Amino acid sequence: MEEAAAVLARLERIETLQRDGALSQRDLAAALLEELRELLREAEEWARLEGGDAGERAVGDLRSALSSDMVGV
């Protein structure tokens, strides 16, 4: 369950970054992109340990979104 907690904590950090307003738009975009990359890594670990097609599909969707450079920095 540590993997689930890590993913949830990462999502909270992402939400805090968006809500905080302390960063410039450029810095916020860079910070969010880094958090999303770490979220992907943590989600992959969680899916690997838990198994299941739904988790693997979700990780694949996140990987595809990040590789298509949806977030411009």
PDB file of N, CA and C in Angstrom:
ATOM      1  N   MET A   1       0.798  -1.193   0.000  1.00  0.00           N
ATOM      2  CA  MET A   1       0.000   0.000   0.000  1.00  0.00           C
ATOM      3  C   MET A   1       0.848   1.268   0.000  1.00  0.00           C
ATOM      4  N   GLU A   2       2.135   1.132   0.219  1.00  0.00           N
ATOM      5  CA  GLU A   2       3.015   2.293   0.181  1.00  0.00           C
ATOM      6  C   GLU A   2       2.969   2.984  -1.179  1.00  0.00           C
ATOM      7  N   GLU A   3       2.823   2.192  -2.237  1.00  0.00           N
ATOM      8  CA  GLU A   3       2.792   2.750  -3.586  1.00  0.00           C
ATOM      9  C   GLU A   3       1.554   3.620  -3.761  1.00  0.00           C
ATOM     10  N   ALA A   4       0.424   3.165  -3.252  1.00  0.00           N
ATOM     11  CA  ALA A   4      -0.806   3.955  -3.340  1.00  0.00           C
ATOM     12  C   ALA A   4      -0.659   5.260  -2.563  1.00  0.00           C
ATOM     13  N   ALA A   5      -0.060   5.190  -1.396  1.00  0.00           N
ATOM     14  CA  ALA A   5       0.158   6.392  -0.593  1.00  0.00           C
ATOM     15  C   ALA A   5       1.083   7.373  -1.309  1.00  0.00           C
ATOM     16  N   ALA A   6       2.097   6.859  -1.990  1.00  0.00           N
ATOM     17  CA  ALA A   6       3.023   7.727  -2.728  1.00  0.00           C
ATOM     18  C   ALA A   6       2.301   8.436  -3.866  1.00  0.00           C
ATOM     19  N   VAL A   7       1.445   7.713  -4.584  1.00  0.00           N
ATOM     20  CA  VAL A   7       0.685   8.320  -5.679  1.00  0.00           C
ATOM     21  C   VAL A   7      -0.252   9.389  -5.138  1.00  0.00           C
ATOM     22  N   LEU A   8      -0.948   9.099  -4.044  1.00  0.00           N
ATOM     23  CA  LEU A   8      -1.862  10.072  -3.466  1.00  0.00           C
ATOM     24  C   LEU A   8      -1.119  11.310  -2.950  1.00  0.00           C
ATOM     25  N   ALA A   9       0.038  11.112  -2.345  1.00  0.00           N
ATOM     26  CA  ALA A   9       0.848  12.244  -1.869  1.00  0.00           C
ATOM     27  C   ALA A   9       1.321  13.086  -3.043  1.00  0.00           C
ATOM     28  N   ARG A  10       1.705  12.443  -4.127  1.00  0.00           N
ATOM     29  CA  ARG A  10       2.143  13.171  -5.326  1.00  0.00           C
ATOM     30  C   ARG A  10       0.993  14.004  -5.887  1.00  0.00           C
ATOM     31  N   LEU A  11      -0.194  13.425  -5.942  1.00  0.00           N
ATOM     32  CA  LEU A  11      -1.365  14.171  -6.425  1.00  0.00           C
ATOM     33  C   LEU A  11      -1.653  15.379  -5.542  1.00  0.00           C
ATOM     34  N   GLU A  12      -1.465  15.216  -4.247  1.00  0.00           N
ATOM     35  CA  GLU A  12      -1.655  16.343  -3.321  1.00  0.00           C
ATOM     36  C   GLU A  12      -0.631  17.445  -3.587  1.00  0.00           C
ATOM     37  N   ARG A  13       0.626  17.064  -3.834  1.00  0.00           N
ATOM     38  CA  ARG A  13       1.650  18.068  -4.147  1.00  0.00           C
ATOM     39  C   ARG A  13       1.300  18.816  -5.436  1.00  0.00           C
ATOM     40  N   ILE A  14       0.808  18.105  -6.420  1.00  0.00           N
ATOM     41  CA  ILE A  14       0.412  18.734  -7.681  1.00  0.00           C
ATOM     42  C   ILE A  14      -0.721  19.722  -7.435  1.00  0.00           C
ATOM     43  N   GLU A  15      -1.701  19.310  -6.664  1.00  0.00           N
ATOM     44  CA  GLU A  15      -2.821  20.193  -6.347  1.00  0.00           C
ATOM     45  C   GLU A  15      -2.352  21.437  -5.599  1.00  0.00           C
ATOM     46  N   THR A  16      -1.438  21.261  -4.657  1.00  0.00           N
ATOM     47  CA  THR A  16      -0.901  22.388  -3.893  1.00  0.00           C
ATOM     48  C   THR A  16      -0.142  23.358  -4.802  1.00  0.00           C
ATOM     49  N   LEU A  17       0.656  22.833  -5.710  1.00  0.00           N
ATOM     50  CA  LEU A  17       1.369  23.702  -6.654  1.00  0.00           C
ATOM     51  C   LEU A  17       0.402  24.551  -7.459  1.00  0.00           C
ATOM     52  N   GLN A  18      -0.662  23.956  -7.924  1.00  0.00           N
ATOM     53  CA  GLN A  18      -1.641  24.672  -8.735  1.00  0.00           C
ATOM     54  C   GLN A  18      -2.388  25.714  -7.909  1.00  0.00           C
ATOM     55  N   ARG A  19      -2.699  25.393  -6.685  1.00  0.00           N
ATOM     56  CA  ARG A  19      -3.485  26.258  -5.817  1.00  0.00           C
ATOM     57  C   ARG A  19      -2.657  27.389  -5.207  1.00  0.00           C
ATOM     58  N   ASP A  20      -1.375  27.125  -4.967  1.00  0.00           N
ATOM     59  CA  ASP A  20      -0.509  28.026  -4.215  1.00  0.00           C
ATOM     60  C   ASP A  20      -0.324  29.385  -4.880  1.00  0.00           C
ATOM     61  N   GLY A  21      -0.058  29.404  -6.168  1.00  0.00           N
ATOM     62  CA  GLY A  21       0.131  30.647  -6.890  1.00  0.00           C
ATOM     63  C   GLY A  21       1.459  31.336  -6.629  1.00  0.00           C
ATOM     64  N   ALA A  22       2.412  30.654  -6.006  1.00  0.00           N
ATOM     65  CA  ALA A  22       3.696  31.264  -5.661  1.00  0.00           C
ATOM     66  C   ALA A  22       4.690  31.237  -6.812  1.00  0.00           C
ATOM     67  N   LEU A  23       4.425  30.464  -7.847  1.00  0.00           N
ATOM     68  CA  LEU A  23       5.364  30.325  -8.961  1.00  0.00           C
ATOM     69  C   LEU A  23       4.865  31.074 -10.185  1.00  0.00           C
ATOM     70  N   SER A  24       5.800  31.507 -11.006  1.00  0.00           N
ATOM     71  CA  SER A  24       5.424  32.085 -12.293  1.00  0.00           C
ATOM     72  C   SER A  24       4.819  30.984 -13.149  1.00  0.00           C
ATOM     73  N   GLN A  25       4.119  31.367 -14.199  1.00  0.00           N
ATOM     74  CA  GLN A  25       3.507  30.371 -15.087  1.00  0.00           C
ATOM     75  C   GLN A  25       4.546  29.408 -15.633  1.00  0.00           C
ATOM     76  N   ARG A  26       5.703  29.932 -16.039  1.00  0.00           N
ATOM     77  CA  ARG A  26       6.766  29.090 -16.593  1.00  0.00           C
ATOM     78  C   ARG A  26       7.305  28.127 -15.541  1.00  0.00           C
ATOM     79  N   ASP A  27       7.571  28.647 -14.342  1.00  0.00           N
ATOM     80  CA  ASP A  27       8.082  27.791 -13.262  1.00  0.00           C
ATOM     81  C   ASP A  27       7.032  26.774 -12.828  1.00  0.00           C
ATOM     82  N   LEU A  28       5.765  27.193 -12.809  1.00  0.00           N
ATOM     83  CA  LEU A  28       4.691  26.274 -12.450  1.00  0.00           C
ATOM     84  C   LEU A  28       4.605  25.139 -13.466  1.00  0.00           C
ATOM     85  N   ALA A  29       4.681  25.477 -14.756  1.00  0.00           N
ATOM     86  CA  ALA A  29       4.619  24.445 -15.796  1.00  0.00           C
ATOM     87  C   ALA A  29       5.766  23.452 -15.646  1.00  0.00           C
ATOM     88  N   ALA A  30       6.967  23.954 -15.387  1.00  0.00           N
ATOM     89  CA  ALA A  30       8.132  23.081 -15.220  1.00  0.00           C
ATOM     90  C   ALA A  30       7.968  22.191 -13.978  1.00  0.00           C
ATOM     91  N   ALA A  31       7.494  22.774 -12.887  1.00  0.00           N
ATOM     92  CA  ALA A  31       7.304  22.011 -11.652  1.00  0.00           C
ATOM     93  C   ALA A  31       6.213  20.953 -11.832  1.00  0.00           C
ATOM     94  N   LEU A  32       5.138  21.317 -12.504  1.00  0.00           N
ATOM     95  CA  LEU A  32       4.061  20.349 -12.737  1.00  0.00           C
ATOM     96  C   LEU A  32       4.527  19.208 -13.626  1.00  0.00           C
ATOM     97  N   LEU A  33       5.293  19.528 -14.644  1.00  0.00           N
ATOM     98  CA  LEU A  33       5.801  18.483 -15.530  1.00  0.00           C
ATOM     99  C   LEU A  33       6.683  17.503 -14.759  1.00  0.00           C
ATOM    100  N   GLU A  34       7.547  18.021 -13.903  1.00  0.00           N
ATOM    101  CA  GLU A  34       8.402  17.150 -13.097  1.00  0.00           C
ATOM    102  C   GLU A  34       7.575  16.287 -12.150  1.00  0.00           C
ATOM    103  N   GLU A  35       6.563  16.890 -11.523  1.00  0.00           N
ATOM    104  CA  GLU A  35       5.687  16.120 -10.633  1.00  0.00           C
ATOM    105  C   GLU A  35       4.947  15.037 -11.410  1.00  0.00           C
ATOM    106  N   LEU A  36       4.485  15.344 -12.613  1.00  0.00           N
ATOM    107  CA  LEU A  36       3.775  14.349 -13.425  1.00  0.00           C
ATOM    108  C   LEU A  36       4.696  13.207 -13.840  1.00  0.00           C
ATOM    109  N   ARG A  37       5.941  13.529 -14.134  1.00  0.00           N
ATOM    110  CA  ARG A  37       6.898  12.465 -14.466  1.00  0.00           C
ATOM    111  C   ARG A  37       7.117  11.536 -13.277  1.00  0.00           C
ATOM    112  N   GLU A  38       7.231  12.113 -12.093  1.00  0.00           N
ATOM    113  CA  GLU A  38       7.388  11.298 -10.891  1.00  0.00           C
ATOM    114  C   GLU A  38       6.113  10.512 -10.603  1.00  0.00           C
ATOM    115  N   LEU A  39       4.962  11.136 -10.860  1.00  0.00           N
ATOM    116  CA  LEU A  39       3.698  10.430 -10.691  1.00  0.00           C
ATOM    117  C   LEU A  39       3.649   9.214 -11.602  1.00  0.00           C
ATOM    118  N   LEU A  40       4.100   9.360 -12.818  1.00  0.00           N
ATOM    119  CA  LEU A  40       4.141   8.236 -13.753  1.00  0.00           C
ATOM    120  C   LEU A  40       5.025   7.118 -13.214  1.00  0.00           C
ATOM    121  N   ARG A  41       6.206   7.478 -12.718  1.00  0.00           N
ATOM    122  CA  ARG A  41       7.117   6.479 -12.162  1.00  0.00           C
ATOM    123  C   ARG A  41       6.468   5.743 -10.995  1.00  0.00           C
ATOM    124  N   GLU A  42       5.826   6.499 -10.101  1.00  0.00           N
ATOM    125  CA  GLU A  42       5.177   5.889  -8.945  1.00  0.00           C
ATOM    126  C   GLU A  42       3.974   5.033  -9.356  1.00  0.00           C
ATOM    127  N   ALA A  43       3.217   5.502 -10.335  1.00  0.00           N
ATOM    128  CA  ALA A  43       2.063   4.734 -10.804  1.00  0.00           C
ATOM    129  C   ALA A  43       2.500   3.438 -11.486  1.00  0.00           C
ATOM    130  N   GLU A  44       3.606   3.505 -12.220  1.00  0.00           N
ATOM    131  CA  GLU A  44       4.144   2.287 -12.841  1.00  0.00           C
ATOM    132  C   GLU A  44       4.517   1.258 -11.780  1.00  0.00           C
ATOM    133  N   GLU A  45       5.148   1.717 -10.713  1.00  0.00           N
ATOM    134  CA  GLU A  45       5.533   0.818  -9.621  1.00  0.00           C
ATOM    135  C   GLU A  45       4.291   0.208  -8.972  1.00  0.00           C
ATOM    136  N   TRP A  46       3.305   1.027  -8.734  1.00  0.00           N
ATOM    137  CA  TRP A  46       2.065   0.562  -8.133  1.00  0.00           C
ATOM    138  C   TRP A  46       1.389  -0.471  -9.035  1.00  0.00           C
ATOM    139  N   ALA A  47       1.289  -0.170 -10.319  1.00  0.00           N
ATOM    140  CA  ALA A  47       0.658  -1.099 -11.262  1.00  0.00           C
ATOM    141  C   ALA A  47       1.442  -2.400 -11.364  1.00  0.00           C
ATOM    142  N   ARG A  48       2.766  -2.301 -11.318  1.00  0.00           N
ATOM    143  CA  ARG A  48       3.604  -3.501 -11.393  1.00  0.00           C
ATOM    144  C   ARG A  48       3.351  -4.410 -10.196  1.00  0.00           C
ATOM    145  N   LEU A  49       3.242  -3.820  -9.020  1.00  0.00           N
ATOM    146  CA  LEU A  49       3.040  -4.612  -7.807  1.00  0.00           C
ATOM    147  C   LEU A  49       1.608  -5.118  -7.665  1.00  0.00           C
ATOM    148  N   GLU A  50       0.645  -4.309  -8.042  1.00  0.00           N
ATOM    149  CA  GLU A  50      -0.757  -4.677  -7.885  1.00  0.00           C
ATOM    150  C   GLU A  50      -1.278  -5.494  -9.053  1.00  0.00           C
ATOM    151  N   GLY A  51      -0.685  -5.285 -10.228  1.00  0.00           N
ATOM    152  CA  GLY A  51      -1.158  -5.994 -11.420  1.00  0.00           C
ATOM    153  C   GLY A  51      -2.483  -5.457 -11.901  1.00  0.00           C
ATOM    154  N   GLY A  52      -3.010  -6.084 -12.890  1.00  0.00           N
ATOM    155  CA  GLY A  52      -4.327  -5.701 -13.393  1.00  0.00           C
ATOM    156  C   GLY A  52      -4.248  -4.853 -14.645  1.00  0.00           C
ATOM    157  N   ASP A  53      -5.178  -5.123 -15.543  1.00  0.00           N
ATOM    158  CA  ASP A  53      -5.211  -4.421 -16.822  1.00  0.00           C
ATOM    159  C   ASP A  53      -5.568  -2.951 -16.686  1.00  0.00           C
ATOM    160  N   ALA A  54      -6.475  -2.611 -15.786  1.00  0.00           N
ATOM    161  CA  ALA A  54      -6.907  -1.225 -15.637  1.00  0.00           C
ATOM    162  C   ALA A  54      -5.744  -0.334 -15.200  1.00  0.00           C
ATOM    163  N   GLY A  55      -4.954  -0.800 -14.260  1.00  0.00           N
ATOM    164  CA  GLY A  55      -3.799  -0.024 -13.804  1.00  0.00           C
ATOM    165  C   GLY A  55      -2.776   0.156 -14.901  1.00  0.00           C
ATOM    166  N   GLU A  56      -2.531  -0.904 -15.635  1.00  0.00           N
ATOM    167  CA  GLU A  56      -1.571  -0.813 -16.738  1.00  0.00           C
ATOM    168  C   GLU A  56      -2.063   0.128 -17.829  1.00  0.00           C
ATOM    169  N   ARG A  57      -3.371   0.105 -18.111  1.00  0.00           N
ATOM    170  CA  ARG A  57      -3.923   1.030 -19.112  1.00  0.00           C
ATOM    171  C   ARG A  57      -3.797   2.472 -18.642  1.00  0.00           C
ATOM    172  N   ALA A  58      -4.084   2.723 -17.373  1.00  0.00           N
ATOM    173  CA  ALA A  58      -3.987   4.081 -16.838  1.00  0.00           C
ATOM    174  C   ALA A  58      -2.560   4.604 -16.922  1.00  0.00           C
ATOM    175  N   VAL A  59      -1.600   3.760 -16.576  1.00  0.00           N
ATOM    176  CA  VAL A  59      -0.187   4.153 -16.671  1.00  0.00           C
ATOM    177  C   VAL A  59       0.182   4.412 -18.130  1.00  0.00           C
ATOM    178  N   GLY A  60      -0.276   3.565 -19.026  1.00  0.00           N
ATOM    179  CA  GLY A  60      -0.003   3.764 -20.447  1.00  0.00           C
ATOM    180  C   GLY A  60      -0.590   5.063 -20.963  1.00  0.00           C
ATOM    181  N   ASP A  61      -1.792   5.397 -20.523  1.00  0.00           N
ATOM    182  CA  ASP A  61      -2.417   6.656 -20.931  1.00  0.00           C
ATOM    183  C   ASP A  61      -1.627   7.857 -20.416  1.00  0.00           C
ATOM    184  N   LEU A  62      -1.181   7.787 -19.165  1.00  0.00           N
ATOM    185  CA  LEU A  62      -0.383   8.875 -18.607  1.00  0.00           C
ATOM    186  C   LEU A  62       0.943   8.996 -19.339  1.00  0.00           C
ATOM    187  N   ARG A  63       1.579   7.862 -19.624  1.00  0.00           N
ATOM    188  CA  ARG A  63       2.844   7.875 -20.364  1.00  0.00           C
ATOM    189  C   ARG A  63       2.643   8.509 -21.734  1.00  0.00           C
ATOM    190  N   SER A  64       1.572   8.159 -22.428  1.00  0.00           N
ATOM    191  CA  SER A  64       1.302   8.725 -23.746  1.00  0.00           C
ATOM    192  C   SER A  64       1.070  10.231 -23.668  1.00  0.00           C
ATOM    193  N   ALA A  65       0.329  10.652 -22.668  1.00  0.00           N
ATOM    194  CA  ALA A  65       0.073  12.092 -22.512  1.00  0.00           C
ATOM    195  C   ALA A  65       1.365  12.857 -22.271  1.00  0.00           C
ATOM    196  N   LEU A  66       2.233  12.321 -21.434  1.00  0.00           N
ATOM    197  CA  LEU A  66       3.501  13.010 -21.165  1.00  0.00           C
ATOM    198  C   LEU A  66       4.423  12.989 -22.374  1.00  0.00           C
ATOM    199  N   SER A  67       4.400  11.925 -23.134  1.00  0.00           N
ATOM    200  CA  SER A  67       5.307  11.844 -24.287  1.00  0.00           C
ATOM    201  C   SER A  67       4.831  12.733 -25.430  1.00  0.00           C
ATOM    202  N   SER A  68       3.563  13.089 -25.435  1.00  0.00           N
ATOM    203  CA  SER A  68       3.071  13.956 -26.502  1.00  0.00           C
ATOM    204  C   SER A  68       3.283  15.429 -26.158  1.00  0.00           C
ATOM    205  N   ASP A  69       3.969  15.702 -25.066  1.00  0.00           N
ATOM    206  CA  ASP A  69       4.327  17.061 -24.659  1.00  0.00           C
ATOM    207  C   ASP A  69       3.104  17.941 -24.531  1.00  0.00           C
ATOM    208  N   MET A  70       2.114  17.445 -23.790  1.00  0.00           N
ATOM    209  CA  MET A  70       0.902  18.223 -23.561  1.00  0.00           C
ATOM    210  C   MET A  70       1.182  19.481 -22.759  1.00  0.00           C
ATOM    211  N   VAL A  71       2.218  19.448 -21.943  1.00  0.00           N
ATOM    212  CA  VAL A  71       2.548  20.587 -21.090  1.00  0.00           C
ATOM    213  C   VAL A  71       3.696  21.334 -21.737  1.00  0.00           C
ATOM    214  N   GLY A  72       3.450  22.526 -22.213  1.00  0.00           N
ATOM    215  CA  GLY A  72       4.509  23.343 -22.814  1.00  0.00           C
ATOM    216  C   GLY A  72       5.273  24.107 -21.760  1.00  0.00           C
ATOM    217  N   VAL A  73       6.577  24.023 -21.815  1.00  0.00           N
ATOM    218  CA  VAL A  73       7.414  24.723 -20.837  1.00  0.00           C
ATOM    219  C   VAL A  73       8.193  25.781 -21.559  1.00  0.00           C
TER     220      VAL A  73
END
